[in-house]
All heavy atoms as atom14 arrays in JSON, in Angstrom:
{
  "sequence": "GLGIEAQRDAVTRFAAAEGFDLTAEFVEVETGKGADALDRRPQL",
  "atom14_mask": [
    [1, 1, 1, 1, 0, 0, 0, 0, 0, 0, 0, 0, 0, 0],
    [1, 1, 1, 1, 1, 1, 1, 1, 0, 0, 0, 0, 0, 0],
    [1, 1, 1, 1, 0, 0, 0, 0, 0, 0, 0, 0, 0, 0],
    [1, 1, 1, 1, 1, 1, 1, 1, 0, 0, 0, 0, 0, 0],
    [1, 1, 1, 1, 1, 1, 1, 1, 1, 0, 0, 0, 0, 0],
    [1, 1, 1, 1, 1, 0, 0, 0, 0, 0, 0, 0, 0, 0],
    [1, 1, 1, 1, 1, 1, 1, 1, 1, 0, 0, 0, 0, 0],
    [1, 1, 1, 1, 1, 1, 1, 1, 1, 1, 1, 0, 0, 0],
    [1, 1, 1, 1, 1, 1, 1, 1, 0, 0, 0, 0, 0, 0],
    [1, 1, 1, 1, 1, 0, 0, 0, 0, 0, 0, 0, 0, 0],
    [1, 1, 1, 1, 1, 1, 1, 0, 0, 0, 0, 0, 0, 0],
    [1, 1, 1, 1, 1, 1, 1, 0, 0, 0, 0, 0, 0, 0],
    [1, 1, 1, 1, 1, 1, 1, 1, 1, 1, 1, 0, 0, 0],
    [1, 1, 1, 1, 1, 1, 1, 1, 1, 1, 1, 0, 0, 0],
    [1, 1, 1, 1, 1, 0, 0, 0, 0, 0, 0, 0, 0, 0],
    [1, 1, 1, 1, 1, 0, 0, 0, 0, 0, 0, 0, 0, 0],
    [1, 1, 1, 1, 1, 0, 0, 0, 0, 0, 0, 0, 0, 0],
    [1, 1, 1, 1, 1, 1, 1, 1, 1, 0, 0, 0, 0, 0],
    [1, 1, 1, 1, 0, 0, 0, 0, 0, 0, 0, 0, 0, 0],
    [1, 1, 1, 1, 1, 1, 1, 1, 1, 1, 1, 0, 0, 0],
    [1, 1, 1, 1, 1, 1, 1, 1, 0, 0, 0, 0, 0, 0],
    [1, 1, 1, 1, 1, 1, 1, 1, 0, 0, 0, 0, 0, 0],
    [1, 1, 1, 1, 1, 1, 1, 0, 0, 0, 0, 0, 0, 0],
    [1, 1, 1, 1, 1, 0, 0, 0, 0, 0, 0, 0, 0, 0],
    [1, 1, 1, 1, 1, 1, 1, 1, 1, 0, 0, 0, 0, 0],
    [1, 1, 1, 1, 1, 1, 1, 1, 1, 1, 1, 0, 0, 0],
    [1, 1, 1, 1, 1, 1, 1, 0, 0, 0, 0, 0, 0, 0],
    [1, 1, 1, 1, 1, 1, 1, 1, 1, 0, 0, 0, 0, 0],
    [1, 1, 1, 1, 1, 1, 1, 0, 0, 0, 0, 0, 0, 0],
    [1, 1, 1, 1, 1, 1, 1, 1, 1, 0, 0, 0, 0, 0],
    [1, 1, 1, 1, 1, 1, 1, 0, 0, 0, 0, 0, 0, 0],
    [1, 1, 1, 1, 0, 0, 0, 0, 0, 0, 0, 0, 0, 0],
    [1, 1, 1, 1, 1, 1, 1, 1, 1, 0, 0, 0, 0, 0],
    [1, 1, 1, 1, 0, 0, 0, 0, 0, 0, 0, 0, 0, 0],
    [1, 1, 1, 1, 1, 0, 0, 0, 0, 0, 0, 0, 0, 0],
    [1, 1, 1, 1, 1, 1, 1, 1, 0, 0, 0, 0, 0, 0],
    [1, 1, 1, 1, 1, 0, 0, 0, 0, 0, 0, 0, 0, 0],
    [1, 1, 1, 1, 1, 1, 1, 1, 0, 0, 0, 0, 0, 0],
    [1, 1, 1, 1, 1, 1, 1, 1, 0, 0, 0, 0, 0, 0],
    [1, 1, 1, 1, 1, 1, 1, 1, 1, 1, 1, 0, 0, 0],
    [1, 1, 1, 1, 1, 1, 1, 1, 1, 1, 1, 0, 0, 0],
    [1, 1, 1, 1, 1, 1, 1, 0, 0, 0, 0, 0, 0, 0],
    [1, 1, 1, 1, 1, 1, 1, 1, 1, 0, 0, 0, 0, 0],
    [1, 1, 1, 1, 1, 1, 1, 1, 0, 0, 0, 0, 0, 0]
  ],
  "atom14_positions": [
    [[9.24, -49.02, -21.13], [9.69, -47.76, -21.72], [9.09, -46.54, -21.06], [9.29, -45.41, -21.47], [0.0, 0.0, 0.0], [0.0, 0.0, 0.0], [0.0, 0.0, 0.0], [0.0, 0.0, 0.0], [0.0, 0.0, 0.0], [0.0, 0.0, 0.0], [0.0, 0.0, 0.0], [0.0, 0.0, 0.0], [0.0, 0.0, 0.0], [0.0, 0.0, 0.0]],
    [[8.27, -46.78, -20.0], [7.63, -45.68, -19.29], [8.68, -44.74, -18.75], [9.5, -45.07, -17.94], [6.77, -46.23, -18.14], [5.95, -45.24, -17.33], [4.91, -44.58, -18.25], [5.28, -45.95, -16.17], [0.0, 0.0, 0.0], [0.0, 0.0, 0.0], [0.0, 0.0, 0.0], [0.0, 0.0, 0.0], [0.0, 0.0, 0.0], [0.0, 0.0, 0.0]],
    [[8.61, -43.53, -19.18], [9.54, -42.51, -18.7], [10.75, -42.31, -19.59], [11.25, -41.22, -19.74], [0.0, 0.0, 0.0], [0.0, 0.0, 0.0], [0.0, 0.0, 0.0], [0.0, 0.0, 0.0], [0.0, 0.0, 0.0], [0.0, 0.0, 0.0], [0.0, 0.0, 0.0], [0.0, 0.0, 0.0], [0.0, 0.0, 0.0], [0.0, 0.0, 0.0]],
    [[11.26, -43.4, -20.18], [12.45, -43.31, -21.04], [12.16, -42.46, -22.27], [12.95, -41.56, -22.65], [12.94, -44.7, -21.43], [13.46, -45.47, -20.21], [14.03, -44.59, -22.49], [14.68, -44.86, -19.59], [0.0, 0.0, 0.0], [0.0, 0.0, 0.0], [0.0, 0.0, 0.0], [0.0, 0.0, 0.0], [0.0, 0.0, 0.0], [0.0, 0.0, 0.0]],
    [[11.05, -42.75, -22.93], [10.74, -42.0, -24.15], [10.52, -40.52, -23.88], [10.91, -39.67, -24.7], [9.5, -42.61, -24.86], [9.77, -43.97, -25.48], [10.96, -43.94, -26.44], [11.1, -42.96, -27.2], [11.78, -44.86, -26.4], [0.0, 0.0, 0.0], [0.0, 0.0, 0.0], [0.0, 0.0, 0.0], [0.0, 0.0, 0.0], [0.0, 0.0, 0.0]],
    [[9.88, -40.2, -22.77], [9.68, -38.81, -22.41], [11.02, -38.1, -22.17], [11.24, -36.97, -22.6], [8.79, -38.69, -21.17], [0.0, 0.0, 0.0], [0.0, 0.0, 0.0], [0.0, 0.0, 0.0], [0.0, 0.0, 0.0], [0.0, 0.0, 0.0], [0.0, 0.0, 0.0], [0.0, 0.0, 0.0], [0.0, 0.0, 0.0], [0.0, 0.0, 0.0]],
    [[11.93, -38.81, -21.49], [13.27, -38.25, -21.28], [14.01, -38.09, -22.59], [14.65, -37.03, -22.82], [14.07, -39.16, -20.35], [13.56, -39.22, -18.92], [14.32, -40.23, -18.08], [15.54, -40.16, -18.0], [13.63, -41.18, -17.49], [0.0, 0.0, 0.0], [0.0, 0.0, 0.0], [0.0, 0.0, 0.0], [0.0, 0.0, 0.0], [0.0, 0.0, 0.0]],
    [[13.95, -39.11, -23.45], [14.64, -39.03, -24.73], [14.09, -37.87, -25.58], [14.85, -37.14, -26.2], [14.49, -40.33, -25.47], [15.2, -40.37, -26.82], [15.09, -41.7, -27.53], [15.96, -42.7, -26.9], [15.53, -43.82, -26.3], [14.22, -44.04, -26.22], [16.36, -44.67, -25.77], [0.0, 0.0, 0.0], [0.0, 0.0, 0.0], [0.0, 0.0, 0.0]],
    [[12.79, -37.69, -25.57], [12.19, -36.63, -26.32], [12.65, -35.25, -25.8], [13.01, -34.36, -26.6], [10.66, -36.7, -26.26], [9.97, -35.61, -27.03], [10.13, -35.56, -28.26], [9.27, -34.8, -26.41], [0.0, 0.0, 0.0], [0.0, 0.0, 0.0], [0.0, 0.0, 0.0], [0.0, 0.0, 0.0], [0.0, 0.0, 0.0], [0.0, 0.0, 0.0]],
    [[12.65, -35.11, -24.47], [13.1, -33.84, -23.86], [14.54, -33.51, -24.18], [14.91, -32.37, -24.55], [12.86, -33.87, -22.36], [0.0, 0.0, 0.0], [0.0, 0.0, 0.0], [0.0, 0.0, 0.0], [0.0, 0.0, 0.0], [0.0, 0.0, 0.0], [0.0, 0.0, 0.0], [0.0, 0.0, 0.0], [0.0, 0.0, 0.0], [0.0, 0.0, 0.0]],
    [[15.42, -34.53, -24.08], [16.85, -34.32, -24.34], [17.09, -34.05, -25.83], [17.87, -33.16, -26.19], [17.68, -35.54, -23.85], [19.12, -35.46, -24.36], [17.65, -35.63, -22.35], [0.0, 0.0, 0.0], [0.0, 0.0, 0.0], [0.0, 0.0, 0.0], [0.0, 0.0, 0.0], [0.0, 0.0, 0.0], [0.0, 0.0, 0.0], [0.0, 0.0, 0.0]],
    [[16.4, -34.8, -26.7], [16.57, -34.59, -28.14], [16.16, -33.19, -28.56], [16.85, -32.53, -29.34], [15.77, -35.65, -28.93], [16.21, -36.95, -28.53], [15.95, -35.47, -30.42], [0.0, 0.0, 0.0], [0.0, 0.0, 0.0], [0.0, 0.0, 0.0], [0.0, 0.0, 0.0], [0.0, 0.0, 0.0], [0.0, 0.0, 0.0], [0.0, 0.0, 0.0]],
    [[15.01, -32.74, -28.05], [14.55, -31.4, -28.39], [15.5, -30.33, -27.87], [15.81, -29.34, -28.52], [13.16, -31.15, -27.82], [12.06, -31.87, -28.6], [10.65, -31.48, -28.18], [10.27, -32.12, -26.92], [10.2, -31.49, -25.75], [10.47, -30.2, -25.69], [9.83, -32.14, -24.67], [0.0, 0.0, 0.0], [0.0, 0.0, 0.0], [0.0, 0.0, 0.0]],
    [[16.01, -30.55, -26.63], [16.97, -29.59, -26.05], [18.25, -29.53, -26.88], [18.77, -28.46, -27.18], [17.26, -29.97, -24.61], [18.35, -29.16, -23.96], [18.07, -27.94, -23.4], [19.66, -29.65, -23.93], [19.07, -27.18, -22.82], [20.67, -28.88, -23.34], [20.36, -27.65, -22.79], [0.0, 0.0, 0.0], [0.0, 0.0, 0.0], [0.0, 0.0, 0.0]],
    [[18.78, -30.72, -27.25], [20.02, -30.78, -28.02], [19.89, -30.09, -29.34], [20.77, -29.35, -29.79], [20.44, -32.25, -28.21], [0.0, 0.0, 0.0], [0.0, 0.0, 0.0], [0.0, 0.0, 0.0], [0.0, 0.0, 0.0], [0.0, 0.0, 0.0], [0.0, 0.0, 0.0], [0.0, 0.0, 0.0], [0.0, 0.0, 0.0], [0.0, 0.0, 0.0]],
    [[18.73, -30.31, -30.04], [18.52, -29.68, -31.32], [18.45, -28.15, -31.18], [18.99, -27.42, -32.02], [17.23, -30.22, -31.94], [0.0, 0.0, 0.0], [0.0, 0.0, 0.0], [0.0, 0.0, 0.0], [0.0, 0.0, 0.0], [0.0, 0.0, 0.0], [0.0, 0.0, 0.0], [0.0, 0.0, 0.0], [0.0, 0.0, 0.0], [0.0, 0.0, 0.0]],
    [[17.8, -27.69, -30.13], [17.64, -26.23, -29.94], [18.97, -25.58, -29.56], [19.2, -24.41, -29.91], [16.6, -25.96, -28.86], [0.0, 0.0, 0.0], [0.0, 0.0, 0.0], [0.0, 0.0, 0.0], [0.0, 0.0, 0.0], [0.0, 0.0, 0.0], [0.0, 0.0, 0.0], [0.0, 0.0, 0.0], [0.0, 0.0, 0.0], [0.0, 0.0, 0.0]],
    [[19.84, -26.31, -28.83], [21.07, -25.72, -28.31], [22.31, -26.06, -29.19], [23.41, -25.65, -28.84], [21.3, -26.18, -26.88], [20.24, -25.73, -25.9], [20.25, -24.23, -25.69], [21.31, -23.6, -25.94], [19.22, -23.66, -25.25], [0.0, 0.0, 0.0], [0.0, 0.0, 0.0], [0.0, 0.0, 0.0], [0.0, 0.0, 0.0], [0.0, 0.0, 0.0]],
    [[22.12, -26.82, -30.26], [23.22, -27.1, -31.14], [24.16, -28.19, -30.68], [25.35, -28.16, -30.96], [0.0, 0.0, 0.0], [0.0, 0.0, 0.0], [0.0, 0.0, 0.0], [0.0, 0.0, 0.0], [0.0, 0.0, 0.0], [0.0, 0.0, 0.0], [0.0, 0.0, 0.0], [0.0, 0.0, 0.0], [0.0, 0.0, 0.0], [0.0, 0.0, 0.0]],
    [[23.61, -29.2, -29.97], [24.42, -30.35, -29.52], [24.19, -31.55, -30.47], [23.06, -31.77, -30.92], [24.07, -30.76, -28.1], [24.58, -29.84, -27.05], [23.73, -28.96, -26.41], [25.92, -29.86, -26.68], [24.18, -28.11, -25.43], [26.41, -29.0, -25.7], [25.54, -28.13, -25.08], [0.0, 0.0, 0.0], [0.0, 0.0, 0.0], [0.0, 0.0, 0.0]],
    [[25.24, -32.3, -30.7], [25.15, -33.54, -31.46], [25.26, -34.72, -30.5], [26.31, -34.94, -29.88], [26.29, -33.61, -32.48], [26.28, -34.91, -33.28], [25.2, -35.54, -33.38], [27.37, -35.28, -33.8], [0.0, 0.0, 0.0], [0.0, 0.0, 0.0], [0.0, 0.0, 0.0], [0.0, 0.0, 0.0], [0.0, 0.0, 0.0], [0.0, 0.0, 0.0]],
    [[24.17, -35.42, -30.29], [24.15, -36.55, -29.35], [24.84, -37.76, -30.01], [24.28, -38.41, -30.89], [22.69, -36.9, -28.97], [21.94, -35.81, -28.23], [20.48, -36.24, -27.99], [22.62, -35.45, -26.92], [0.0, 0.0, 0.0], [0.0, 0.0, 0.0], [0.0, 0.0, 0.0], [0.0, 0.0, 0.0], [0.0, 0.0, 0.0], [0.0, 0.0, 0.0]],
    [[26.06, -38.05, -29.55], [26.84, -39.1, -30.18], [26.67, -40.45, -29.51], [27.05, -41.48, -30.07], [28.34, -38.74, -30.14], [28.74, -38.51, -28.76], [28.6, -37.44, -30.93], [0.0, 0.0, 0.0], [0.0, 0.0, 0.0], [0.0, 0.0, 0.0], [0.0, 0.0, 0.0], [0.0, 0.0, 0.0], [0.0, 0.0, 0.0], [0.0, 0.0, 0.0]],
    [[26.07, -40.47, -28.33], [25.84, -41.76, -27.61], [24.75, -41.53, -26.58], [24.53, -40.41, -26.12], [27.12, -42.27, -26.97], [0.0, 0.0, 0.0], [0.0, 0.0, 0.0], [0.0, 0.0, 0.0], [0.0, 0.0, 0.0], [0.0, 0.0, 0.0], [0.0, 0.0, 0.0], [0.0, 0.0, 0.0], [0.0, 0.0, 0.0], [0.0, 0.0, 0.0]],
    [[24.07, -42.62, -26.24], [23.1, -42.54, -25.13], [23.23, -43.76, -24.24], [23.59, -44.86, -24.7], [21.67, -42.39, -25.65], [21.13, -43.63, -26.38], [19.64, -43.48, -26.72], [19.21, -42.36, -27.09], [18.91, -44.48, -26.59], [0.0, 0.0, 0.0], [0.0, 0.0, 0.0], [0.0, 0.0, 0.0], [0.0, 0.0, 0.0], [0.0, 0.0, 0.0]],
    [[22.98, -43.57, -22.97], [23.07, -44.64, -21.98], [21.76, -44.69, -21.19], [21.27, -43.66, -20.73], [24.27, -44.4, -21.05], [25.6, -44.42, -21.74], [26.08, -43.26, -22.36], [26.35, -45.57, -21.82], [27.31, -43.25, -23.02], [27.57, -45.59, -22.48], [28.05, -44.44, -23.08], [0.0, 0.0, 0.0], [0.0, 0.0, 0.0], [0.0, 0.0, 0.0]],
    [[21.21, -45.9, -21.08], [19.93, -46.08, -20.4], [20.12, -46.99, -19.19], [20.7, -48.08, -19.29], [18.91, -46.73, -21.36], [17.55, -46.9, -20.66], [18.73, -45.85, -22.62], [0.0, 0.0, 0.0], [0.0, 0.0, 0.0], [0.0, 0.0, 0.0], [0.0, 0.0, 0.0], [0.0, 0.0, 0.0], [0.0, 0.0, 0.0], [0.0, 0.0, 0.0]],
    [[19.6, -46.53, -18.03], [19.77, -47.26, -16.78], [18.39, -47.59, -16.17], [17.47, -46.78, -16.22], [20.54, -46.37, -15.79], [21.14, -47.08, -14.62], [22.64, -47.26, -14.79], [23.35, -46.23, -14.77], [23.08, -48.4, -14.96], [0.0, 0.0, 0.0], [0.0, 0.0, 0.0], [0.0, 0.0, 0.0], [0.0, 0.0, 0.0], [0.0, 0.0, 0.0]],
    [[18.31, -48.79, -15.61], [17.13, -49.16, -14.82], [17.66, -49.45, -13.41], [18.08, -50.59, -13.12], [16.4, -50.39, -15.39], [15.18, -50.74, -14.54], [16.0, -50.13, -16.84], [0.0, 0.0, 0.0], [0.0, 0.0, 0.0], [0.0, 0.0, 0.0], [0.0, 0.0, 0.0], [0.0, 0.0, 0.0], [0.0, 0.0, 0.0], [0.0, 0.0, 0.0]],
    [[17.64, -48.44, -12.59], [18.22, -48.59, -11.25], [17.76, -47.44, -10.38], [17.57, -46.3, -10.86], [19.75, -48.62, -11.34], [20.48, -48.76, -10.01], [20.07, -50.0, -9.26], [20.46, -51.11, -9.64], [19.32, -49.84, -8.28], [0.0, 0.0, 0.0], [0.0, 0.0, 0.0], [0.0, 0.0, 0.0], [0.0, 0.0, 0.0], [0.0, 0.0, 0.0]],
    [[17.59, -47.7, -9.1], [17.22, -46.64, -8.16], [18.37, -45.66, -7.99], [19.54, -46.01, -8.19], [16.87, -47.24, -6.79], [16.51, -46.16, -5.9], [18.02, -48.01, -6.18], [0.0, 0.0, 0.0], [0.0, 0.0, 0.0], [0.0, 0.0, 0.0], [0.0, 0.0, 0.0], [0.0, 0.0, 0.0], [0.0, 0.0, 0.0], [0.0, 0.0, 0.0]],
    [[18.04, -44.43, -7.61], [19.06, -43.44, -7.37], [19.38, -43.3, -5.9], [20.16, -42.44, -5.51], [0.0, 0.0, 0.0], [0.0, 0.0, 0.0], [0.0, 0.0, 0.0], [0.0, 0.0, 0.0], [0.0, 0.0, 0.0], [0.0, 0.0, 0.0], [0.0, 0.0, 0.0], [0.0, 0.0, 0.0], [0.0, 0.0, 0.0], [0.0, 0.0, 0.0]],
    [[18.85, -44.21, -5.06], [19.03, -44.09, -3.62], [20.28, -44.85, -3.15], [20.71, -45.81, -3.79], [17.82, -44.65, -2.88], [16.51, -43.89, -3.17], [15.35, -44.49, -2.42], [14.08, -43.74, -2.71], [12.92, -44.38, -2.01], [0.0, 0.0, 0.0], [0.0, 0.0, 0.0], [0.0, 0.0, 0.0], [0.0, 0.0, 0.0], [0.0, 0.0, 0.0]],
    [[20.8, -44.45, -2.01], [21.88, -45.18, -1.37], [23.26, -44.58, -1.63], [23.53, -44.0, -2.68], [0.0, 0.0, 0.0], [0.0, 0.0, 0.0], [0.0, 0.0, 0.0], [0.0, 0.0, 0.0], [0.0, 0.0, 0.0], [0.0, 0.0, 0.0], [0.0, 0.0, 0.0], [0.0, 0.0, 0.0], [0.0, 0.0, 0.0], [0.0, 0.0, 0.0]],
    [[24.15, -44.76, -0.64], [25.5, -44.2, -0.75], [26.29, -44.88, -1.88], [27.22, -44.29, -2.42], [26.21, -44.35, 0.59], [0.0, 0.0, 0.0], [0.0, 0.0, 0.0], [0.0, 0.0, 0.0], [0.0, 0.0, 0.0], [0.0, 0.0, 0.0], [0.0, 0.0, 0.0], [0.0, 0.0, 0.0], [0.0, 0.0, 0.0], [0.0, 0.0, 0.0]],
    [[25.9, -46.14, -2.21], [26.64, -46.86, -3.23], [25.9, -46.78, -4.59], [26.11, -47.65, -5.45], [26.82, -48.33, -2.83], [25.5, -49.05, -2.65], [24.45, -48.37, -2.5], [25.49, -50.31, -2.72], [0.0, 0.0, 0.0], [0.0, 0.0, 0.0], [0.0, 0.0, 0.0], [0.0, 0.0, 0.0], [0.0, 0.0, 0.0], [0.0, 0.0, 0.0]],
    [[25.09, -45.75, -4.77], [24.25, -45.66, -5.99], [25.1, -45.65, -7.26], [24.74, -46.3, -8.22], [23.37, -44.39, -5.93], [0.0, 0.0, 0.0], [0.0, 0.0, 0.0], [0.0, 0.0, 0.0], [0.0, 0.0, 0.0], [0.0, 0.0, 0.0], [0.0, 0.0, 0.0], [0.0, 0.0, 0.0], [0.0, 0.0, 0.0], [0.0, 0.0, 0.0]],
    [[26.24, -44.97, -7.22], [27.06, -44.91, -8.44], [27.62, -46.28, -8.77], [27.71, -46.67, -9.95], [28.19, -43.91, -8.25], [29.1, -43.68, -9.49], [28.24, -43.23, -10.69], [30.17, -42.65, -9.21], [0.0, 0.0, 0.0], [0.0, 0.0, 0.0], [0.0, 0.0, 0.0], [0.0, 0.0, 0.0], [0.0, 0.0, 0.0], [0.0, 0.0, 0.0]],
    [[27.97, -47.08, -7.74], [28.5, -48.41, -7.98], [27.45, -49.32, -8.61], [27.78, -50.27, -9.34], [28.98, -49.05, -6.65], [30.17, -48.32, -6.08], [30.91, -47.69, -6.87], [30.37, -48.35, -4.85], [0.0, 0.0, 0.0], [0.0, 0.0, 0.0], [0.0, 0.0, 0.0], [0.0, 0.0, 0.0], [0.0, 0.0, 0.0], [0.0, 0.0, 0.0]],
    [[26.18, -49.04, -8.32], [25.08, -49.86, -8.88], [24.54, -49.32, -10.18], [23.52, -49.82, -10.69], [23.94, -49.94, -7.83], [24.31, -50.77, -6.6], [23.16, -50.9, -5.63], [22.93, -49.68, -4.88], [21.96, -48.81, -5.1], [21.13, -49.02, -6.07], [21.84, -47.73, -4.34], [0.0, 0.0, 0.0], [0.0, 0.0, 0.0], [0.0, 0.0, 0.0]],
    [[25.17, -48.3, -10.72], [24.71, -47.7, -11.97], [25.83, -47.72, -13.0], [26.45, -46.68, -13.3], [24.18, -46.28, -11.68], [22.87, -46.31, -10.89], [22.53, -44.98, -10.27], [22.29, -43.96, -11.27], [21.89, -42.69, -10.96], [21.73, -42.35, -9.7], [21.68, -41.82, -11.92], [0.0, 0.0, 0.0], [0.0, 0.0, 0.0], [0.0, 0.0, 0.0]],
    [[26.12, -48.88, -13.6], [27.19, -48.98, -14.57], [26.99, -48.12, -15.82], [27.98, -47.66, -16.41], [27.21, -50.48, -14.93], [25.81, -50.96, -14.62], [25.41, -50.18, -13.41], [0.0, 0.0, 0.0], [0.0, 0.0, 0.0], [0.0, 0.0, 0.0], [0.0, 0.0, 0.0], [0.0, 0.0, 0.0], [0.0, 0.0, 0.0], [0.0, 0.0, 0.0]],
    [[25.74, -47.86, -16.19], [25.52, -47.04, -17.38], [25.89, -45.57, -17.11], [26.38, -44.89, -18.0], [24.06, -47.14, -17.84], [23.67, -48.51, -18.35], [24.56, -48.97, -19.5], [24.68, -48.22, -20.5], [25.18, -50.1, -19.39], [0.0, 0.0, 0.0], [0.0, 0.0, 0.0], [0.0, 0.0, 0.0], [0.0, 0.0, 0.0], [0.0, 0.0, 0.0]],
    [[25.65, -45.12, -15.89], [26.07, -43.76, -15.55], [27.6, -43.68, -15.52], [28.19, -42.7, -16.01], [25.51, -43.36, -14.18], [25.92, -41.97, -13.69], [25.56, -40.87, -14.69], [25.26, -41.67, -12.32], [0.0, 0.0, 0.0], [0.0, 0.0, 0.0], [0.0, 0.0, 0.0], [0.0, 0.0, 0.0], [0.0, 0.0, 0.0], [0.0, 0.0, 0.0]]
  ]
}
């Protein structure tokens, strides 16, 4: 969960401050490198 909880906390606080309702969340464990990065990131 290293990093995920910090991201979730930052997004949740931002959404509450800006008036967004988070209706779904997607979590990925995958590198962002490579030309085929999107193909390897089904959650994105």
